[in-house]
Amino acid sequence: MSSCCLLSKFWLLYLESDISMRVCIYDVVNSAELNDSELASYLADIYHESANHKYPRVSE
Protein backbone atom coordinates (compact mmCIF):
# COMPACT_ATOMS: atom_id res chain seq x y z
CA MET A 1 0.00 0.00 0.00
CA SER A 2 1.27 3.45 -0.71
CA SER A 3 0.21 6.72 0.80
CA CYS A 4 0.98 10.35 0.19
CA CYS A 5 0.96 13.72 1.86
CA LEU A 6 1.04 17.22 0.40
CA LEU A 7 3.88 19.52 1.35
CA SER A 8 3.92 23.12 0.24
CA LYS A 9 5.25 22.44 -3.28
CA PHE A 10 4.90 18.72 -3.96
CA TRP A 11 3.35 15.42 -2.86
CA LEU A 12 5.46 12.89 -0.96
CA LEU A 13 4.75 9.23 -1.65
CA TYR A 14 5.37 6.46 0.85
CA LEU A 15 5.26 2.69 0.72
CA GLU A 16 3.77 1.30 3.92
CA SER A 17 5.23 -1.94 5.25
CA ASP A 18 3.60 -4.74 7.22
CA ILE A 19 5.20 -3.33 10.39
CA SER A 20 3.71 0.15 9.89
CA MET A 21 6.96 1.79 8.82
CA ARG A 22 6.89 4.11 5.83
CA VAL A 23 9.55 4.18 3.12
CA CYS A 24 9.68 7.29 0.95
CA ILE A 25 9.37 6.72 -2.81
CA TYR A 26 11.75 9.08 -4.61
CA ASP A 27 11.41 7.90 -8.21
CA VAL A 28 7.88 9.27 -8.80
CA VAL A 29 7.49 13.00 -9.39
CA ASN A 30 4.12 14.63 -8.72
CA SER A 31 2.88 18.16 -8.99
CA ALA A 32 1.29 19.95 -6.05
CA GLU A 33 -1.21 21.31 -8.59
CA LEU A 34 -2.97 17.92 -8.64
CA ASN A 35 -5.89 17.64 -6.27
CA ASP A 36 -6.56 14.45 -4.27
CA SER A 37 -8.70 12.73 -6.89
CA GLU A 38 -6.36 13.67 -9.76
CA LEU A 39 -3.40 12.33 -7.81
CA ALA A 40 -5.25 9.07 -7.06
CA SER A 41 -6.03 8.62 -10.78
CA TYR A 42 -2.43 9.42 -11.76
CA LEU A 43 -1.00 6.92 -9.26
CA ALA A 44 -3.51 4.22 -10.22
CA ASP A 45 -2.44 4.67 -13.84
CA ILE A 46 1.26 4.36 -12.94
CA TYR A 47 0.93 1.42 -10.57
CA HIS A 48 -1.91 -0.68 -12.03
CA GLU A 49 0.54 -3.20 -13.52
CA SER A 50 2.17 -3.68 -10.10
CA ALA A 51 -1.10 -4.71 -8.44
CA ASN A 52 -1.30 -8.15 -6.87
CA HIS A 53 -3.51 -10.05 -4.41
CA LYS A 54 -1.84 -8.42 -1.39
CA TYR A 55 -1.90 -4.89 -2.88
CA PRO A 56 -4.83 -4.74 -5.33
CA ARG A 57 -4.88 -0.94 -5.70
CA VAL A 58 -3.21 2.34 -4.80
CA SER A 59 -4.82 4.12 -1.87
CA GLU A 60 -4.42 7.32 0.07
PDB file of N, CA and C in Angstrom:
ATOM      1  N   MET A   1       0.855  -1.167   0.000  1.00  0.00           N
ATOM      2  CA  MET A   1       0.000   0.000   0.000  1.00  0.00           C
ATOM      3  C   MET A   1       0.900   1.228   0.000  1.00  0.00           C
ATOM      4  N   SER A   2       0.521   2.203  -0.739  1.00  0.00           N
ATOM      5  CA  SER A   2       1.271   3.450  -0.714  1.00  0.00           C
ATOM      6  C   SER A   2       0.362   4.564  -0.235  1.00  0.00           C
ATOM      7  N   SER A   3       0.979   5.571   0.334  1.00  0.00           N
ATOM      8  CA  SER A   3       0.214   6.719   0.798  1.00  0.00           C
ATOM      9  C   SER A   3       0.966   7.974   0.393  1.00  0.00           C
ATOM     10  N   CYS A   4       0.336   9.114   0.581  1.00  0.00           N
ATOM     11  CA  CYS A   4       0.977  10.354   0.188  1.00  0.00           C
ATOM     12  C   CYS A   4       0.512  11.485   1.084  1.00  0.00           C
ATOM     13  N   CYS A   5       1.339  12.522   1.126  1.00  0.00           N
ATOM     14  CA  CYS A   5       0.963  13.723   1.855  1.00  0.00           C
ATOM     15  C   CYS A   5       1.445  14.924   1.052  1.00  0.00           C
ATOM     16  N   LEU A   6       0.721  16.013   1.157  1.00  0.00           N
ATOM     17  CA  LEU A   6       1.040  17.218   0.397  1.00  0.00           C
ATOM     18  C   LEU A   6       1.883  18.145   1.249  1.00  0.00           C
ATOM     19  N   LEU A   7       3.071  18.465   0.748  1.00  0.00           N
ATOM     20  CA  LEU A   7       3.880  19.522   1.346  1.00  0.00           C
ATOM     21  C   LEU A   7       3.571  20.790   0.576  1.00  0.00           C
ATOM     22  N   SER A   8       4.263  21.839   0.861  1.00  0.00           N
ATOM     23  CA  SER A   8       3.919  23.116   0.238  1.00  0.00           C
ATOM     24  C   SER A   8       4.062  23.123  -1.280  1.00  0.00           C
ATOM     25  N   LYS A   9       5.009  22.368  -1.848  1.00  0.00           N
ATOM     26  CA  LYS A   9       5.246  22.440  -3.285  1.00  0.00           C
ATOM     27  C   LYS A   9       5.107  21.105  -4.004  1.00  0.00           C
ATOM     28  N   PHE A  10       4.976  20.007  -3.297  1.00  0.00           N
ATOM     29  CA  PHE A  10       4.896  18.715  -3.957  1.00  0.00           C
ATOM     30  C   PHE A  10       4.320  17.659  -3.016  1.00  0.00           C
ATOM     31  N   TRP A  11       3.853  16.556  -3.620  1.00  0.00           N
ATOM     32  CA  TRP A  11       3.352  15.421  -2.857  1.00  0.00           C
ATOM     33  C   TRP A  11       4.511  14.507  -2.505  1.00  0.00           C
ATOM     34  N   LEU A  12       4.506  13.927  -1.338  1.00  0.00           N
ATOM     35  CA  LEU A  12       5.459  12.885  -0.961  1.00  0.00           C
ATOM     36  C   LEU A  12       4.733  11.552  -0.981  1.00  0.00           C
ATOM     37  N   LEU A  13       5.347  10.567  -1.587  1.00  0.00           N
ATOM     38  CA  LEU A  13       4.751   9.233  -1.646  1.00  0.00           C
ATOM     39  C   LEU A  13       5.513   8.301  -0.719  1.00  0.00           C
ATOM     40  N   TYR A  14       4.785   7.425  -0.063  1.00  0.00           N
ATOM     41  CA  TYR A  14       5.375   6.462   0.850  1.00  0.00           C
ATOM     42  C   TYR A  14       4.830   5.076   0.561  1.00  0.00           C
ATOM     43  N   LEU A  15       5.677   4.076   0.761  1.00  0.00           N
ATOM     44  CA  LEU A  15       5.257   2.693   0.720  1.00  0.00           C
ATOM     45  C   LEU A  15       5.139   2.239   2.163  1.00  0.00           C
ATOM     46  N   GLU A  16       3.980   1.737   2.550  1.00  0.00           N
ATOM     47  CA  GLU A  16       3.768   1.305   3.922  1.00  0.00           C
ATOM     48  C   GLU A  16       4.071  -0.182   4.040  1.00  0.00           C
ATOM     49  N   SER A  17       4.846  -0.541   5.042  1.00  0.00           N
ATOM     50  CA  SER A  17       5.229  -1.937   5.247  1.00  0.00           C
ATOM     51  C   SER A  17       4.251  -2.643   6.177  1.00  0.00           C
ATOM     52  N   ASP A  18       4.439  -3.943   6.323  1.00  0.00           N
ATOM     53  CA  ASP A  18       3.603  -4.739   7.220  1.00  0.00           C
ATOM     54  C   ASP A  18       3.806  -4.373   8.683  1.00  0.00           C
ATOM     55  N   ILE A  19       4.920  -3.708   8.988  1.00  0.00           N
ATOM     56  CA  ILE A  19       5.203  -3.332  10.386  1.00  0.00           C
ATOM     57  C   ILE A  19       4.961  -1.843  10.615  1.00  0.00           C
ATOM     58  N   SER A  20       4.153  -1.247   9.763  1.00  0.00           N
ATOM     59  CA  SER A  20       3.715   0.154   9.886  1.00  0.00           C
ATOM     60  C   SER A  20       4.832   1.181   9.761  1.00  0.00           C
ATOM     61  N   MET A  21       5.905   0.816   9.107  1.00  0.00           N
ATOM     62  CA  MET A  21       6.965   1.785   8.822  1.00  0.00           C
ATOM     63  C   MET A  21       6.794   2.260   7.381  1.00  0.00           C
ATOM     64  N   ARG A  22       7.013   3.535   7.160  1.00  0.00           N
ATOM     65  CA  ARG A  22       6.886   4.106   5.828  1.00  0.00           C
ATOM     66  C   ARG A  22       8.264   4.301   5.197  1.00  0.00           C
ATOM     67  N   VAL A  23       8.333   3.986   3.902  1.00  0.00           N
ATOM     68  CA  VAL A  23       9.550   4.180   3.120  1.00  0.00           C
ATOM     69  C   VAL A  23       9.212   5.167   2.018  1.00  0.00           C
ATOM     70  N   CYS A  24       9.942   6.262   1.955  1.00  0.00           N
ATOM     71  CA  CYS A  24       9.681   7.293   0.955  1.00  0.00           C
ATOM     72  C   CYS A  24      10.020   6.778  -0.445  1.00  0.00           C
ATOM     73  N   ILE A  25       9.148   7.084  -1.407  1.00  0.00           N
ATOM     74  CA  ILE A  25       9.366   6.724  -2.805  1.00  0.00           C
ATOM     75  C   ILE A  25       9.882   7.972  -3.517  1.00  0.00           C
ATOM     76  N   TYR A  26      11.117   7.909  -3.987  1.00  0.00           N
ATOM     77  CA  TYR A  26      11.755   9.076  -4.607  1.00  0.00           C
ATOM     78  C   TYR A  26      11.683   9.085  -6.122  1.00  0.00           C
ATOM     79  N   ASP A  27      11.337   7.964  -6.749  1.00  0.00           N
ATOM     80  CA  ASP A  27      11.410   7.898  -8.213  1.00  0.00           C
ATOM     81  C   ASP A  27      10.100   8.244  -8.921  1.00  0.00           C
ATOM     82  N   VAL A  28       9.124   8.791  -8.193  1.00  0.00           N
ATOM     83  CA  VAL A  28       7.883   9.269  -8.799  1.00  0.00           C
ATOM     84  C   VAL A  28       7.761  10.758  -8.501  1.00  0.00           C
ATOM     85  N   VAL A  29       7.602  11.556  -9.546  1.00  0.00           N
ATOM     86  CA  VAL A  29       7.495  13.005  -9.389  1.00  0.00           C
ATOM     87  C   VAL A  29       6.044  13.414  -9.601  1.00  0.00           C
ATOM     88  N   ASN A  30       5.505  14.169  -8.647  1.00  0.00           N
ATOM     89  CA  ASN A  30       4.118  14.629  -8.721  1.00  0.00           C
ATOM     90  C   ASN A  30       4.064  16.127  -8.531  1.00  0.00           C
ATOM     91  N   SER A  31       3.080  16.737  -9.128  1.00  0.00           N
ATOM     92  CA  SER A  31       2.881  18.165  -8.992  1.00  0.00           C
ATOM     93  C   SER A  31       1.928  18.460  -7.847  1.00  0.00           C
ATOM     94  N   ALA A  32       2.195  19.504  -7.104  1.00  0.00           N
ATOM     95  CA  ALA A  32       1.286  19.946  -6.046  1.00  0.00           C
ATOM     96  C   ALA A  32       0.002  20.513  -6.640  1.00  0.00           C
ATOM     97  N   GLU A  33      -0.019  20.776  -7.933  1.00  0.00           N
ATOM     98  CA  GLU A  33      -1.210  21.305  -8.588  1.00  0.00           C
ATOM     99  C   GLU A  33      -2.310  20.252  -8.738  1.00  0.00           C
ATOM    100  N   LEU A  34      -1.963  18.975  -8.571  1.00  0.00           N
ATOM    101  CA  LEU A  34      -2.972  17.920  -8.641  1.00  0.00           C
ATOM    102  C   LEU A  34      -3.777  17.900  -7.351  1.00  0.00           C
ATOM    103  N   ASN A  35      -5.087  17.786  -7.478  1.00  0.00           N
ATOM    104  CA  ASN A  35      -5.889  17.640  -6.265  1.00  0.00           C
ATOM    105  C   ASN A  35      -5.907  16.157  -5.872  1.00  0.00           C
ATOM    106  N   ASP A  36      -6.572  15.821  -4.777  1.00  0.00           N
ATOM    107  CA  ASP A  36      -6.559  14.452  -4.268  1.00  0.00           C
ATOM    108  C   ASP A  36      -7.035  13.423  -5.293  1.00  0.00           C
ATOM    109  N   SER A  37      -8.146  13.705  -5.944  1.00  0.00           N
ATOM    110  CA  SER A  37      -8.695  12.730  -6.894  1.00  0.00           C
ATOM    111  C   SER A  37      -7.829  12.611  -8.148  1.00  0.00           C
ATOM    112  N   GLU A  38      -7.259  13.721  -8.604  1.00  0.00           N
ATOM    113  CA  GLU A  38      -6.362  13.669  -9.762  1.00  0.00           C
ATOM    114  C   GLU A  38      -5.105  12.875  -9.434  1.00  0.00           C
ATOM    115  N   LEU A  39      -4.585  13.067  -8.224  1.00  0.00           N
ATOM    116  CA  LEU A  39      -3.395  12.326  -7.813  1.00  0.00           C
ATOM    117  C   LEU A  39      -3.711  10.835  -7.721  1.00  0.00           C
ATOM    118  N   ALA A  40      -4.859  10.485  -7.164  1.00  0.00           N
ATOM    119  CA  ALA A  40      -5.249   9.074  -7.059  1.00  0.00           C
ATOM    120  C   ALA A  40      -5.347   8.430  -8.444  1.00  0.00           C
ATOM    121  N   SER A  41      -5.923   9.135  -9.409  1.00  0.00           N
ATOM    122  CA  SER A  41      -6.030   8.618 -10.783  1.00  0.00           C
ATOM    123  C   SER A  41      -4.652   8.464 -11.416  1.00  0.00           C
ATOM    124  N   TYR A  42      -3.790   9.445 -11.215  1.00  0.00           N
ATOM    125  CA  TYR A  42      -2.431   9.419 -11.758  1.00  0.00           C
ATOM    126  C   TYR A  42      -1.653   8.223 -11.199  1.00  0.00           C
ATOM    127  N   LEU A  43      -1.719   8.025  -9.880  1.00  0.00           N
ATOM    128  CA  LEU A  43      -0.998   6.918  -9.258  1.00  0.00           C
ATOM    129  C   LEU A  43      -1.573   5.562  -9.663  1.00  0.00           C
ATOM    130  N   ALA A  44      -2.896   5.472  -9.773  1.00  0.00           N
ATOM    131  CA  ALA A  44      -3.515   4.224 -10.217  1.00  0.00           C
ATOM    132  C   ALA A  44      -3.049   3.880 -11.630  1.00  0.00           C
ATOM    133  N   ASP A  45      -2.912   4.890 -12.480  1.00  0.00           N
ATOM    134  CA  ASP A  45      -2.440   4.673 -13.843  1.00  0.00           C
ATOM    135  C   ASP A  45      -0.990   4.184 -13.857  1.00  0.00           C
ATOM    136  N   ILE A  46      -0.151   4.757 -13.002  1.00  0.00           N
ATOM    137  CA  ILE A  46       1.260   4.356 -12.937  1.00  0.00           C
ATOM    138  C   ILE A  46       1.421   2.945 -12.379  1.00  0.00           C
ATOM    139  N   TYR A  47       0.688   2.649 -11.319  1.00  0.00           N
ATOM    140  CA  TYR A  47       0.931   1.420 -10.566  1.00  0.00           C
ATOM    141  C   TYR A  47      -0.009   0.257 -10.878  1.00  0.00           C
ATOM    142  N   HIS A  48      -0.938   0.400 -11.814  1.00  0.00           N
ATOM    143  CA  HIS A  48      -1.909  -0.677 -12.031  1.00  0.00           C
ATOM    144  C   HIS A  48      -1.256  -1.997 -12.419  1.00  0.00           C
ATOM    145  N   GLU A  49      -0.134  -1.966 -13.120  1.00  0.00           N
ATOM    146  CA  GLU A  49       0.537  -3.200 -13.519  1.00  0.00           C
ATOM    147  C   GLU A  49       1.282  -3.854 -12.363  1.00  0.00           C
ATOM    148  N   SER A  50       1.486  -3.127 -11.277  1.00  0.00           N
ATOM    149  CA  SER A  50       2.168  -3.679 -10.102  1.00  0.00           C
ATOM    150  C   SER A  50       1.185  -4.288  -9.101  1.00  0.00           C
ATOM    151  N   ALA A  51      -0.090  -4.189  -9.369  1.00  0.00           N
ATOM    152  CA  ALA A  51      -1.096  -4.707  -8.435  1.00  0.00           C
ATOM    153  C   ALA A  51      -0.981  -6.227  -8.319  1.00  0.00           C
ATOM    154  N   ASN A  52      -1.275  -6.714  -7.118  1.00  0.00           N
ATOM    155  CA  ASN A  52      -1.300  -8.154  -6.872  1.00  0.00           C
ATOM    156  C   ASN A  52      -2.371  -8.447  -5.829  1.00  0.00           C
ATOM    157  N   HIS A  53      -2.461  -9.695  -5.378  1.00  0.00           N
ATOM    158  CA  HIS A  53      -3.507 -10.047  -4.410  1.00  0.00           C
ATOM    159  C   HIS A  53      -3.333  -9.317  -3.085  1.00  0.00           C
ATOM    160  N   LYS A  54      -2.093  -9.104  -2.670  1.00  0.00           N
ATOM    161  CA  LYS A  54      -1.842  -8.422  -1.390  1.00  0.00           C
ATOM    162  C   LYS A  54      -2.098  -6.925  -1.503  1.00  0.00           C
ATOM    163  N   TYR A  55      -1.729  -6.323  -2.645  1.00  0.00           N
ATOM    164  CA  TYR A  55      -1.905  -4.888  -2.875  1.00  0.00           C
ATOM    165  C   TYR A  55      -2.704  -4.700  -4.167  1.00  0.00           C
ATOM    166  N   PRO A  56      -4.040  -4.808  -4.096  1.00  0.00           N
ATOM    167  CA  PRO A  56      -4.830  -4.744  -5.327  1.00  0.00           C
ATOM    168  C   PRO A  56      -4.990  -3.355  -5.932  1.00  0.00           C
ATOM    169  N   ARG A  57      -4.702  -2.294  -5.167  1.00  0.00           N
ATOM    170  CA  ARG A  57      -4.875  -0.944  -5.697  1.00  0.00           C
ATOM    171  C   ARG A  57      -4.024   0.053  -4.911  1.00  0.00           C
ATOM    172  N   VAL A  58      -3.897   1.233  -5.473  1.00  0.00           N
ATOM    173  CA  VAL A  58      -3.211   2.341  -4.795  1.00  0.00           C
ATOM    174  C   VAL A  58      -4.239   3.047  -3.948  1.00  0.00           C
ATOM    175  N   SER A  59      -3.873   3.417  -2.735  1.00  0.00           N
ATOM    176  CA  SER A  59      -4.820   4.122  -1.865  1.00  0.00           C
ATOM    177  C   SER A  59      -4.139   5.281  -1.184  1.00  0.00           C
ATOM    178  N   GLU A  60      -4.950   6.158  -0.621  1.00  0.00           N
ATOM    179  CA  GLU A  60      -4.418   7.317   0.074  1.00  0.00           C
ATOM    180  C   GLU A  60      -3.753   6.900   1.363  1.00  0.00           C
TER     181      GLU A  60
END
